[in-house]
């Protein structure tokens, strides 16, 4: 074996010794990338949740206000219907006496 052969075999051995480290670094980079993507997705989902929760709370408040208005109008409608019925009775009574 010549010196040149020894140098080639030591170069080949060096490359094979470094391969697991290179693969490990590549896997670490990929895992970090995936974790970054996952974190970004989580941030986006949590941001969407906050926006939807804010919208839900606003709609809930509007519903409460509209429900109160509906209840007031329902009472007013009942009072107006009672007034209408009294007026109709008075008109019928007048027609009978005429």
Protein backbone atom coordinates (compact mmCIF):
# COMPACT_ATOMS: atom_id res chain seq x y z
CA UNK A 1 0.00 0.00 0.00
CA UNK A 2 1.34 3.38 -0.89
CA UNK A 3 1.08 6.63 0.95
CA UNK A 4 -1.40 7.83 -1.60
CA UNK A 5 -3.70 4.90 -0.79
CA UNK A 6 -3.42 5.65 2.91
CA UNK A 7 -4.40 9.28 2.31
CA UNK A 8 -7.42 8.22 0.20
CA UNK A 9 -8.63 5.77 2.80
CA UNK A 10 -8.26 8.34 5.58
CA UNK A 11 -10.23 10.87 3.49
CA UNK A 12 -12.95 8.30 2.87
CA UNK A 13 -13.04 7.40 6.54
CA UNK A 14 -13.27 11.10 7.48
CA UNK A 15 -16.25 11.61 5.18
CA UNK A 16 -18.05 8.60 6.65
CA UNK A 17 -17.32 9.78 10.17
CA UNK A 18 -18.85 13.19 9.41
CA UNK A 19 -21.96 11.80 7.68
CA UNK A 20 -23.94 11.10 10.90
CA UNK A 21 -23.22 14.64 12.10
CA UNK A 22 -24.35 16.13 8.80
CA UNK A 23 -27.50 14.01 8.83
CA UNK A 24 -28.10 15.02 12.46
CA UNK A 25 -27.71 18.70 11.60
CA UNK A 26 -30.06 18.35 8.64
CA UNK A 27 -32.66 16.62 10.83
CA UNK A 28 -32.26 19.33 13.48
CA UNK A 29 -32.77 22.05 10.86
CA UNK A 30 -35.86 20.29 9.50
CA UNK A 31 -37.29 19.80 13.00
CA UNK A 32 -36.68 23.47 13.82
CA UNK A 33 -38.35 24.50 10.57
CA UNK A 34 -41.38 22.32 11.31
CA UNK A 35 -41.61 23.71 14.84
CA UNK A 36 -41.45 27.24 13.43
CA UNK A 37 -44.22 26.45 10.96
CA UNK A 38 -46.29 24.89 13.75
CA UNK A 39 -45.76 27.93 15.95
CA UNK A 40 -46.81 30.26 13.13
CA UNK A 41 -49.94 28.19 12.54
CA UNK A 42 -50.72 28.30 16.25
CA UNK A 43 -50.28 32.07 16.31
CA UNK A 44 -52.57 32.39 13.30
CA UNK A 45 -55.21 30.13 14.88
CA UNK A 46 -55.02 31.93 18.22
CA UNK A 47 -55.29 35.27 16.42
CA UNK A 48 -58.35 34.03 14.55
CA UNK A 49 -59.80 32.76 17.84
CA UNK A 50 -59.33 36.15 19.50
CA UNK A 51 -61.00 37.90 16.55
CA UNK A 52 -63.91 35.47 16.54
CA UNK A 53 -64.29 35.70 20.33
CA UNK A 54 -64.40 39.51 20.08
CA UNK A 55 -67.02 39.28 17.34
CA UNK A 56 -69.03 36.78 19.40
CA UNK A 57 -68.96 39.05 22.46
CA UNK A 58 -70.09 42.03 20.36
CA UNK A 59 -72.94 40.03 18.82
CA UNK A 60 -73.96 38.78 22.26
CA UNK A 61 -74.17 42.37 23.54
CA UNK A 62 -76.15 43.42 20.46
CA UNK A 63 -78.48 40.47 21.00
CA UNK A 64 -79.11 41.53 24.60
CA UNK A 65 -79.90 45.08 23.50
CA UNK A 66 -82.17 43.89 20.67
CA UNK A 67 -83.91 41.42 22.99
CA UNK A 68 -84.65 44.23 25.47
CA UNK A 69 -85.96 46.38 22.61
CA UNK A 70 -88.12 43.49 21.41
CA UNK A 71 -89.57 43.01 24.87
CA UNK A 72 -90.41 46.74 25.11
CA UNK A 73 -92.05 46.67 21.67
CA UNK A 74 -94.02 43.58 22.61
CA UNK A 75 -95.40 45.36 25.69
CA UNK A 76 -96.16 48.45 23.60
CA UNK A 77 -97.89 46.29 20.98
CA UNK A 78 -100.05 44.65 23.66
CA UNK A 79 -101.03 48.06 25.03
CA UNK A 80 -101.88 49.34 21.53
CA UNK A 81 -103.94 46.21 20.79
CA UNK A 82 -105.88 46.72 24.04
CA UNK A 83 -106.45 50.38 23.11
CA UNK A 84 -107.62 49.37 19.62
CA UNK A 85 -110.08 46.85 21.07
CA UNK A 86 -111.51 49.50 23.45
CA UNK A 87 -111.97 51.93 20.55
CA UNK A 88 -113.65 49.21 18.45
CA UNK A 89 -116.02 48.37 21.34
CA UNK A 90 -116.88 52.06 21.73
CA UNK A 91 -117.56 52.36 17.99
CA UNK A 92 -119.78 49.27 18.04
CA UNK A 93 -121.65 50.63 21.06
CA UNK A 94 -122.22 53.96 19.30
CA UNK A 95 -123.50 52.23 16.15
CA UNK A 96 -125.97 50.19 18.18
CA UNK A 97 -127.34 53.29 19.96
CA UNK A 98 -127.71 55.34 16.80
